[in-house]
Amino acid sequence: MKDLFIEKLYEVSKKPYQKYFKSNKPWNIDAKDLLQFPEESLGFHLGWFLYKYNFEIQPKLEDHDVIHVLTNTGITVPEEIGMQYYLFGNGKRSIYLFMVILTGTLFYPTKINYFLKQYRRGNRALRFHYLDFSKMLLIPVKTIQRAFQIQ
């Protein structure tokens, strides 16, 4: 029940977040295009992630799925919340991030150890949350992970 509530909260807040808080331009690429990239590349891995979960790229929110790929984070509600803790540890600050962390912590108090582990992982990595990933699609995922110490 709480998963459904959190998912609905995300769906309601996604459009205003895209419109008013994301100033970057949409990538204008889809999963099929991404799957044409070299197999070791970020682009291919992003395409595979989207294909595997039957997702489509969300305009202006493409970075979110890239973070999933780079950090090897799943898509369950607690994992999504954990990813926000990871990003917080990596230095990202936004109203949306704080909202997810607050509601996630309230709804999943038994997952606090997992959330804190994700925070520490993000803190150990070099800052990468702000990068323009659209320019990195041809770079091998492992190269990016090594360069930024993403475990």
N, C-alpha and C. Protein backbone atom coordinates (compact mmCIF):
# COMPACT_ATOMS: atom_id res chain seq x y z
N MET A 1 0.82 -1.20 0.00
CA MET A 1 0.00 0.00 0.00
C MET A 1 0.87 1.26 0.00
N LYS A 2 1.91 1.25 0.87
CA LYS A 2 2.76 2.44 0.92
C LYS A 2 3.57 2.60 -0.37
N ASP A 3 3.94 1.47 -1.01
CA ASP A 3 4.63 1.56 -2.31
C ASP A 3 3.74 2.26 -3.33
N LEU A 4 2.49 1.89 -3.36
CA LEU A 4 1.54 2.49 -4.30
C LEU A 4 1.39 3.98 -4.03
N PHE A 5 1.31 4.35 -2.76
CA PHE A 5 1.19 5.76 -2.40
C PHE A 5 2.41 6.55 -2.87
N ILE A 6 3.60 6.03 -2.61
CA ILE A 6 4.84 6.70 -3.02
C ILE A 6 4.90 6.81 -4.54
N GLU A 7 4.52 5.75 -5.25
CA GLU A 7 4.53 5.78 -6.72
C GLU A 7 3.56 6.82 -7.26
N LYS A 8 2.38 6.93 -6.65
CA LYS A 8 1.41 7.95 -7.06
C LYS A 8 1.94 9.35 -6.78
N LEU A 9 2.58 9.51 -5.64
CA LEU A 9 3.17 10.80 -5.30
C LEU A 9 4.21 11.19 -6.35
N TYR A 10 5.01 10.22 -6.80
CA TYR A 10 6.00 10.48 -7.84
C TYR A 10 5.31 10.90 -9.14
N GLU A 11 4.27 10.16 -9.54
CA GLU A 11 3.57 10.47 -10.79
C GLU A 11 2.97 11.87 -10.77
N VAL A 12 2.41 12.26 -9.63
CA VAL A 12 1.79 13.58 -9.51
C VAL A 12 2.84 14.68 -9.54
N SER A 13 3.99 14.43 -8.95
CA SER A 13 5.02 15.47 -8.84
C SER A 13 5.96 15.53 -10.04
N LYS A 14 5.98 14.49 -10.87
CA LYS A 14 6.94 14.40 -11.97
C LYS A 14 6.79 15.54 -12.98
N LYS A 15 5.58 15.79 -13.44
CA LYS A 15 5.37 16.82 -14.48
C LYS A 15 5.77 18.22 -14.00
N PRO A 16 5.31 18.67 -12.83
CA PRO A 16 5.75 19.99 -12.37
C PRO A 16 7.27 20.06 -12.18
N TYR A 17 7.86 18.97 -11.70
CA TYR A 17 9.31 18.93 -11.51
C TYR A 17 10.03 19.09 -12.85
N GLN A 18 9.56 18.35 -13.87
CA GLN A 18 10.15 18.47 -15.20
C GLN A 18 10.03 19.89 -15.73
N LYS A 19 8.87 20.47 -15.57
CA LYS A 19 8.58 21.77 -16.16
C LYS A 19 9.27 22.93 -15.44
N TYR A 20 9.23 22.93 -14.10
CA TYR A 20 9.67 24.10 -13.36
C TYR A 20 11.07 23.99 -12.76
N PHE A 21 11.56 22.78 -12.58
CA PHE A 21 12.85 22.64 -11.89
C PHE A 21 13.96 22.09 -12.76
N LYS A 22 13.64 21.53 -13.90
CA LYS A 22 14.66 20.97 -14.79
C LYS A 22 14.84 21.90 -15.99
N SER A 23 16.01 22.50 -16.07
CA SER A 23 16.24 23.46 -17.15
C SER A 23 16.99 22.84 -18.33
N ASN A 24 17.48 21.62 -18.16
CA ASN A 24 18.21 20.99 -19.26
C ASN A 24 17.27 20.62 -20.41
N LYS A 25 17.85 20.39 -21.56
CA LYS A 25 17.06 20.04 -22.75
C LYS A 25 16.88 18.53 -22.83
N PRO A 26 15.73 18.07 -23.33
CA PRO A 26 15.54 16.62 -23.53
C PRO A 26 16.58 16.08 -24.52
N TRP A 27 16.93 14.83 -24.37
CA TRP A 27 17.97 14.23 -25.20
C TRP A 27 17.48 13.86 -26.61
N ASN A 28 16.19 13.72 -26.79
CA ASN A 28 15.63 13.32 -28.09
C ASN A 28 16.26 12.04 -28.63
N ILE A 29 16.24 11.02 -27.81
CA ILE A 29 16.75 9.70 -28.17
C ILE A 29 15.88 8.68 -27.45
N ASP A 30 15.76 7.50 -28.00
CA ASP A 30 14.96 6.48 -27.32
C ASP A 30 15.80 5.23 -27.06
N ALA A 31 15.21 4.27 -26.39
CA ALA A 31 15.93 3.05 -26.00
C ALA A 31 16.46 2.30 -27.21
N LYS A 32 15.71 2.25 -28.28
CA LYS A 32 16.17 1.56 -29.49
C LYS A 32 17.44 2.20 -30.05
N ASP A 33 17.48 3.53 -30.05
CA ASP A 33 18.68 4.23 -30.51
C ASP A 33 19.87 3.92 -29.59
N LEU A 34 19.60 3.93 -28.30
CA LEU A 34 20.67 3.68 -27.33
C LEU A 34 21.24 2.27 -27.47
N LEU A 35 20.40 1.32 -27.83
CA LEU A 35 20.86 -0.06 -27.98
C LEU A 35 21.78 -0.24 -29.19
N GLN A 36 21.90 0.78 -30.02
CA GLN A 36 22.82 0.74 -31.16
C GLN A 36 24.24 1.17 -30.77
N PHE A 37 24.40 1.69 -29.57
CA PHE A 37 25.72 2.11 -29.10
C PHE A 37 26.58 0.88 -28.82
N PRO A 38 27.90 1.04 -28.75
CA PRO A 38 28.77 -0.10 -28.40
C PRO A 38 28.34 -0.73 -27.07
N GLU A 39 28.45 -2.04 -26.97
CA GLU A 39 27.93 -2.77 -25.81
C GLU A 39 28.48 -2.35 -24.46
N GLU A 40 29.71 -1.86 -24.44
CA GLU A 40 30.29 -1.47 -23.15
C GLU A 40 29.94 -0.02 -22.77
N SER A 41 29.31 0.70 -23.68
CA SER A 41 29.07 2.14 -23.49
C SER A 41 27.92 2.43 -22.52
N LEU A 42 27.97 3.63 -21.98
CA LEU A 42 26.88 4.11 -21.13
C LEU A 42 25.57 4.13 -21.91
N GLY A 43 25.63 4.55 -23.17
CA GLY A 43 24.42 4.60 -23.99
C GLY A 43 23.76 3.24 -24.12
N PHE A 44 24.55 2.22 -24.43
CA PHE A 44 23.99 0.87 -24.56
C PHE A 44 23.40 0.40 -23.24
N HIS A 45 24.15 0.59 -22.15
CA HIS A 45 23.66 0.14 -20.84
C HIS A 45 22.39 0.87 -20.42
N LEU A 46 22.30 2.15 -20.77
CA LEU A 46 21.08 2.90 -20.50
C LEU A 46 19.93 2.33 -21.32
N GLY A 47 20.18 2.08 -22.60
CA GLY A 47 19.16 1.48 -23.46
C GLY A 47 18.70 0.14 -22.93
N TRP A 48 19.65 -0.68 -22.48
CA TRP A 48 19.31 -2.01 -21.95
C TRP A 48 18.48 -1.89 -20.67
N PHE A 49 18.84 -0.94 -19.81
CA PHE A 49 18.09 -0.69 -18.58
C PHE A 49 16.63 -0.34 -18.93
N LEU A 50 16.46 0.56 -19.88
CA LEU A 50 15.11 0.98 -20.29
C LEU A 50 14.34 -0.19 -20.89
N TYR A 51 15.00 -0.95 -21.73
CA TYR A 51 14.37 -2.11 -22.38
C TYR A 51 13.99 -3.18 -21.34
N LYS A 52 14.93 -3.49 -20.47
CA LYS A 52 14.73 -4.52 -19.44
C LYS A 52 13.50 -4.25 -18.57
N TYR A 53 13.30 -2.99 -18.22
CA TYR A 53 12.18 -2.63 -17.34
C TYR A 53 10.99 -2.07 -18.11
N ASN A 54 11.07 -2.12 -19.44
CA ASN A 54 9.98 -1.61 -20.28
C ASN A 54 9.69 -0.14 -19.97
N PHE A 55 10.75 0.64 -19.80
CA PHE A 55 10.65 2.07 -19.53
C PHE A 55 10.90 2.84 -20.82
N GLU A 56 10.44 4.07 -20.82
CA GLU A 56 10.79 5.01 -21.87
C GLU A 56 11.54 6.16 -21.21
N ILE A 57 12.38 6.81 -21.98
CA ILE A 57 13.10 7.96 -21.45
C ILE A 57 12.09 9.05 -21.10
N GLN A 58 12.25 9.60 -19.91
CA GLN A 58 11.42 10.72 -19.48
C GLN A 58 12.16 12.01 -19.85
N PRO A 59 11.58 12.83 -20.73
CA PRO A 59 12.26 14.06 -21.15
C PRO A 59 12.69 14.91 -19.96
N LYS A 60 13.93 15.36 -19.99
CA LYS A 60 14.56 16.18 -18.97
C LYS A 60 14.90 15.42 -17.69
N LEU A 61 14.52 14.14 -17.64
CA LEU A 61 14.82 13.32 -16.46
C LEU A 61 15.72 12.14 -16.82
N GLU A 62 16.39 12.24 -17.95
CA GLU A 62 17.23 11.14 -18.43
C GLU A 62 18.33 10.77 -17.44
N ASP A 63 18.86 11.78 -16.75
CA ASP A 63 19.94 11.53 -15.81
C ASP A 63 19.55 10.54 -14.72
N HIS A 64 18.30 10.55 -14.35
CA HIS A 64 17.83 9.65 -13.30
C HIS A 64 18.13 8.19 -13.65
N ASP A 65 17.80 7.81 -14.88
CA ASP A 65 18.05 6.43 -15.29
C ASP A 65 19.54 6.16 -15.47
N VAL A 66 20.31 7.17 -15.85
CA VAL A 66 21.76 7.00 -15.94
C VAL A 66 22.33 6.70 -14.55
N ILE A 67 21.83 7.37 -13.54
CA ILE A 67 22.29 7.12 -12.17
C ILE A 67 21.98 5.68 -11.77
N HIS A 68 20.81 5.18 -12.15
CA HIS A 68 20.49 3.77 -11.90
C HIS A 68 21.57 2.88 -12.50
N VAL A 69 21.93 3.16 -13.75
CA VAL A 69 22.91 2.34 -14.46
C VAL A 69 24.27 2.43 -13.79
N LEU A 70 24.73 3.63 -13.53
CA LEU A 70 26.08 3.80 -12.97
C LEU A 70 26.22 3.24 -11.57
N THR A 71 25.17 3.35 -10.77
CA THR A 71 25.24 2.89 -9.37
C THR A 71 24.69 1.48 -9.19
N ASN A 72 24.19 0.90 -10.29
CA ASN A 72 23.61 -0.44 -10.24
C ASN A 72 22.49 -0.51 -9.19
N THR A 73 21.61 0.46 -9.24
CA THR A 73 20.50 0.55 -8.30
C THR A 73 19.23 0.03 -8.97
N GLY A 74 18.50 -0.79 -8.24
CA GLY A 74 17.25 -1.35 -8.74
C GLY A 74 16.12 -0.33 -8.77
N ILE A 75 14.92 -0.82 -9.05
CA ILE A 75 13.79 0.10 -9.27
C ILE A 75 12.65 -0.06 -8.26
N THR A 76 12.86 -0.83 -7.20
CA THR A 76 11.81 -0.90 -6.18
C THR A 76 11.72 0.45 -5.48
N VAL A 77 10.64 0.68 -4.79
CA VAL A 77 10.47 1.96 -4.10
C VAL A 77 11.60 2.19 -3.09
N PRO A 78 11.93 1.22 -2.23
CA PRO A 78 13.06 1.46 -1.31
C PRO A 78 14.38 1.71 -2.04
N GLU A 79 14.61 1.05 -3.17
CA GLU A 79 15.84 1.28 -3.93
C GLU A 79 15.85 2.68 -4.54
N GLU A 80 14.69 3.15 -4.99
CA GLU A 80 14.60 4.52 -5.52
C GLU A 80 14.92 5.53 -4.41
N ILE A 81 14.40 5.29 -3.24
CA ILE A 81 14.69 6.17 -2.10
C ILE A 81 16.17 6.08 -1.76
N GLY A 82 16.70 4.86 -1.76
CA GLY A 82 18.13 4.67 -1.50
C GLY A 82 18.99 5.42 -2.50
N MET A 83 18.55 5.48 -3.75
CA MET A 83 19.31 6.21 -4.76
C MET A 83 19.34 7.71 -4.44
N GLN A 84 18.26 8.22 -3.89
CA GLN A 84 18.25 9.63 -3.50
C GLN A 84 19.21 9.87 -2.32
N TYR A 85 19.27 8.91 -1.41
CA TYR A 85 20.27 9.00 -0.34
C TYR A 85 21.68 8.98 -0.93
N TYR A 86 21.89 8.13 -1.91
CA TYR A 86 23.19 8.05 -2.59
C TYR A 86 23.54 9.42 -3.18
N LEU A 87 22.59 10.01 -3.89
CA LEU A 87 22.83 11.32 -4.52
C LEU A 87 23.06 12.41 -3.47
N PHE A 88 22.36 12.33 -2.35
CA PHE A 88 22.58 13.27 -1.26
C PHE A 88 24.02 13.13 -0.75
N GLY A 89 24.46 11.90 -0.57
CA GLY A 89 25.84 11.66 -0.16
C GLY A 89 26.83 12.16 -1.19
N ASN A 90 26.44 12.16 -2.45
CA ASN A 90 27.31 12.61 -3.54
C ASN A 90 27.29 14.13 -3.72
N GLY A 91 26.50 14.81 -2.92
CA GLY A 91 26.51 16.27 -2.94
C GLY A 91 25.32 16.93 -3.61
N LYS A 92 24.39 16.15 -4.13
CA LYS A 92 23.23 16.76 -4.79
C LYS A 92 22.30 17.34 -3.74
N ARG A 93 21.75 18.50 -4.06
CA ARG A 93 20.78 19.15 -3.19
C ARG A 93 19.65 19.67 -4.06
N SER A 94 18.44 19.24 -3.75
CA SER A 94 17.26 19.75 -4.44
C SER A 94 16.04 19.54 -3.55
N ILE A 95 15.04 20.32 -3.80
CA ILE A 95 13.79 20.18 -3.05
C ILE A 95 13.22 18.78 -3.26
N TYR A 96 13.27 18.32 -4.49
CA TYR A 96 12.72 17.00 -4.82
C TYR A 96 13.46 15.91 -4.06
N LEU A 97 14.78 15.98 -4.03
CA LEU A 97 15.58 14.99 -3.31
C LEU A 97 15.20 14.98 -1.83
N PHE A 98 15.09 16.16 -1.22
CA PHE A 98 14.73 16.23 0.19
C PHE A 98 13.33 15.67 0.43
N MET A 99 12.42 15.93 -0.49
CA MET A 99 11.06 15.41 -0.36
C MET A 99 11.07 13.87 -0.38
N VAL A 100 11.83 13.29 -1.30
CA VAL A 100 11.89 11.83 -1.39
C VAL A 100 12.54 11.24 -0.15
N ILE A 101 13.63 11.85 0.30
CA ILE A 101 14.31 11.34 1.50
C ILE A 101 13.40 11.43 2.72
N LEU A 102 12.72 12.54 2.88
CA LEU A 102 11.82 12.71 4.03
C LEU A 102 10.67 11.71 4.00
N THR A 103 9.95 11.67 2.89
CA THR A 103 8.81 10.76 2.83
C THR A 103 9.27 9.30 2.86
N GLY A 104 10.37 9.02 2.19
CA GLY A 104 10.89 7.66 2.17
C GLY A 104 11.29 7.17 3.55
N THR A 105 11.94 8.04 4.31
CA THR A 105 12.37 7.68 5.66
C THR A 105 11.16 7.46 6.56
N LEU A 106 10.13 8.31 6.41
CA LEU A 106 8.92 8.16 7.22
C LEU A 106 8.16 6.87 6.88
N PHE A 107 8.11 6.53 5.58
CA PHE A 107 7.36 5.37 5.15
C PHE A 107 8.13 4.06 5.30
N TYR A 108 9.45 4.14 5.33
CA TYR A 108 10.28 2.94 5.40
C TYR A 108 11.33 3.05 6.50
N PRO A 109 10.89 3.24 7.75
CA PRO A 109 11.88 3.38 8.84
C PRO A 109 12.74 2.13 9.03
N THR A 110 12.23 0.98 8.66
CA THR A 110 13.01 -0.25 8.81
C THR A 110 14.13 -0.37 7.78
N LYS A 111 14.13 0.50 6.79
CA LYS A 111 15.16 0.49 5.74
C LYS A 111 16.27 1.52 5.99
N ILE A 112 16.26 2.13 7.17
CA ILE A 112 17.21 3.21 7.44
C ILE A 112 18.66 2.76 7.28
N ASN A 113 18.97 1.54 7.67
CA ASN A 113 20.36 1.07 7.52
C ASN A 113 20.74 0.98 6.04
N TYR A 114 19.82 0.52 5.21
CA TYR A 114 20.06 0.48 3.77
C TYR A 114 20.25 1.88 3.23
N PHE A 115 19.39 2.81 3.64
CA PHE A 115 19.48 4.20 3.17
C PHE A 115 20.83 4.82 3.57
N LEU A 116 21.25 4.59 4.80
CA LEU A 116 22.51 5.15 5.26
C LEU A 116 23.70 4.52 4.53
N LYS A 117 23.59 3.24 4.21
CA LYS A 117 24.64 2.58 3.42
C LYS A 117 24.74 3.24 2.05
N GLN A 118 23.60 3.54 1.43
CA GLN A 118 23.59 4.21 0.14
C GLN A 118 24.18 5.62 0.25
N TYR A 119 23.86 6.32 1.31
CA TYR A 119 24.43 7.65 1.54
C TYR A 119 25.95 7.56 1.59
N ARG A 120 26.47 6.59 2.34
CA ARG A 120 27.92 6.43 2.47
C ARG A 120 28.56 6.08 1.13
N ARG A 121 27.90 5.23 0.33
CA ARG A 121 28.40 4.90 -1.01
C ARG A 121 28.52 6.16 -1.86
N GLY A 122 27.48 6.99 -1.83
CA GLY A 122 27.49 8.23 -2.60
C GLY A 122 28.56 9.19 -2.11
N ASN A 123 28.79 9.19 -0.81
CA ASN A 123 29.78 10.08 -0.23
C ASN A 123 31.20 9.66 -0.59
N ARG A 124 31.42 8.35 -0.73
CA ARG A 124 32.76 7.85 -1.10
C ARG A 124 33.09 8.10 -2.57
N ALA A 125 32.08 8.16 -3.40
CA ALA A 125 32.31 8.40 -4.83
C ALA A 125 32.70 9.86 -5.05
N LEU A 126 33.49 10.10 -6.08
CA LEU A 126 33.78 11.48 -6.46
C LEU A 126 32.49 12.10 -7.00
N ARG A 127 32.36 13.40 -6.89
CA ARG A 127 31.13 14.07 -7.31
C ARG A 127 30.89 13.88 -8.81
N PHE A 128 29.74 13.30 -9.14
CA PHE A 128 29.41 13.08 -10.55
C PHE A 128 27.96 13.39 -10.86
N HIS A 129 27.15 13.67 -9.86
CA HIS A 129 25.71 13.84 -10.04
C HIS A 129 25.36 14.97 -10.99
N TYR A 130 26.25 15.93 -11.17
CA TYR A 130 25.96 17.13 -11.96
C TYR A 130 26.43 17.04 -13.42
N LEU A 131 27.06 15.92 -13.79
CA LEU A 131 27.64 15.82 -15.14
C LEU A 131 26.58 15.82 -16.23
N ASP A 132 26.98 16.25 -17.42
CA ASP A 132 26.10 16.19 -18.58
C ASP A 132 26.29 14.81 -19.22
N PHE A 133 25.49 13.86 -18.81
CA PHE A 133 25.64 12.48 -19.25
C PHE A 133 25.31 12.31 -20.74
N SER A 134 24.59 13.25 -21.31
CA SER A 134 24.26 13.14 -22.73
C SER A 134 25.52 13.17 -23.59
N LYS A 135 26.59 13.76 -23.07
CA LYS A 135 27.86 13.84 -23.79
C LYS A 135 28.77 12.66 -23.47
N MET A 136 28.30 11.75 -22.65
CA MET A 136 29.13 10.63 -22.19
C MET A 136 28.61 9.27 -22.66
N LEU A 137 27.65 9.27 -23.54
CA LEU A 137 26.98 8.03 -23.93
C LEU A 137 27.90 7.01 -24.61
N LEU A 138 28.97 7.46 -25.23
CA LEU A 138 29.90 6.54 -25.89
C LEU A 138 31.00 6.02 -24.96
N ILE A 139 31.11 6.58 -23.79
CA ILE A 139 32.16 6.17 -22.84
C ILE A 139 31.73 4.86 -22.16
N PRO A 140 32.65 3.91 -22.03
CA PRO A 140 32.32 2.67 -21.32
C PRO A 140 31.88 2.93 -19.88
N VAL A 141 30.85 2.22 -19.45
CA VAL A 141 30.33 2.36 -18.09
C VAL A 141 31.44 2.14 -17.07
N LYS A 142 32.23 1.10 -17.26
CA LYS A 142 33.30 0.78 -16.30
C LYS A 142 34.31 1.92 -16.19
N THR A 143 34.58 2.60 -17.28
CA THR A 143 35.51 3.73 -17.27
C THR A 143 34.96 4.86 -16.40
N ILE A 144 33.68 5.15 -16.55
CA ILE A 144 33.03 6.21 -15.74
C ILE A 144 33.03 5.81 -14.27
N GLN A 145 32.67 4.55 -14.01
CA GLN A 145 32.62 4.08 -12.63
C GLN A 145 34.00 4.15 -11.95
N ARG A 146 35.04 3.75 -12.69
CA ARG A 146 36.40 3.82 -12.13
C ARG A 146 36.82 5.28 -11.91
N ALA A 147 36.57 6.13 -12.89
CA ALA A 147 37.00 7.52 -12.82
C ALA A 147 36.38 8.25 -11.62
N PHE A 148 35.14 7.91 -11.31
CA PHE A 148 34.43 8.60 -10.24
C PHE A 148 34.30 7.74 -8.98
N GLN A 149 34.99 6.62 -8.97
CA GLN A 149 35.01 5.71 -7.82
C GLN A 149 33.61 5.32 -7.38
N ILE A 150 32.79 5.00 -8.37
CA ILE A 150 31.42 4.55 -8.11
C ILE A 150 31.46 3.05 -7.89
N GLN A 151 31.08 2.63 -6.69
CA GLN A 151 31.12 1.20 -6.35
C GLN A 151 29.78 0.57 -6.56
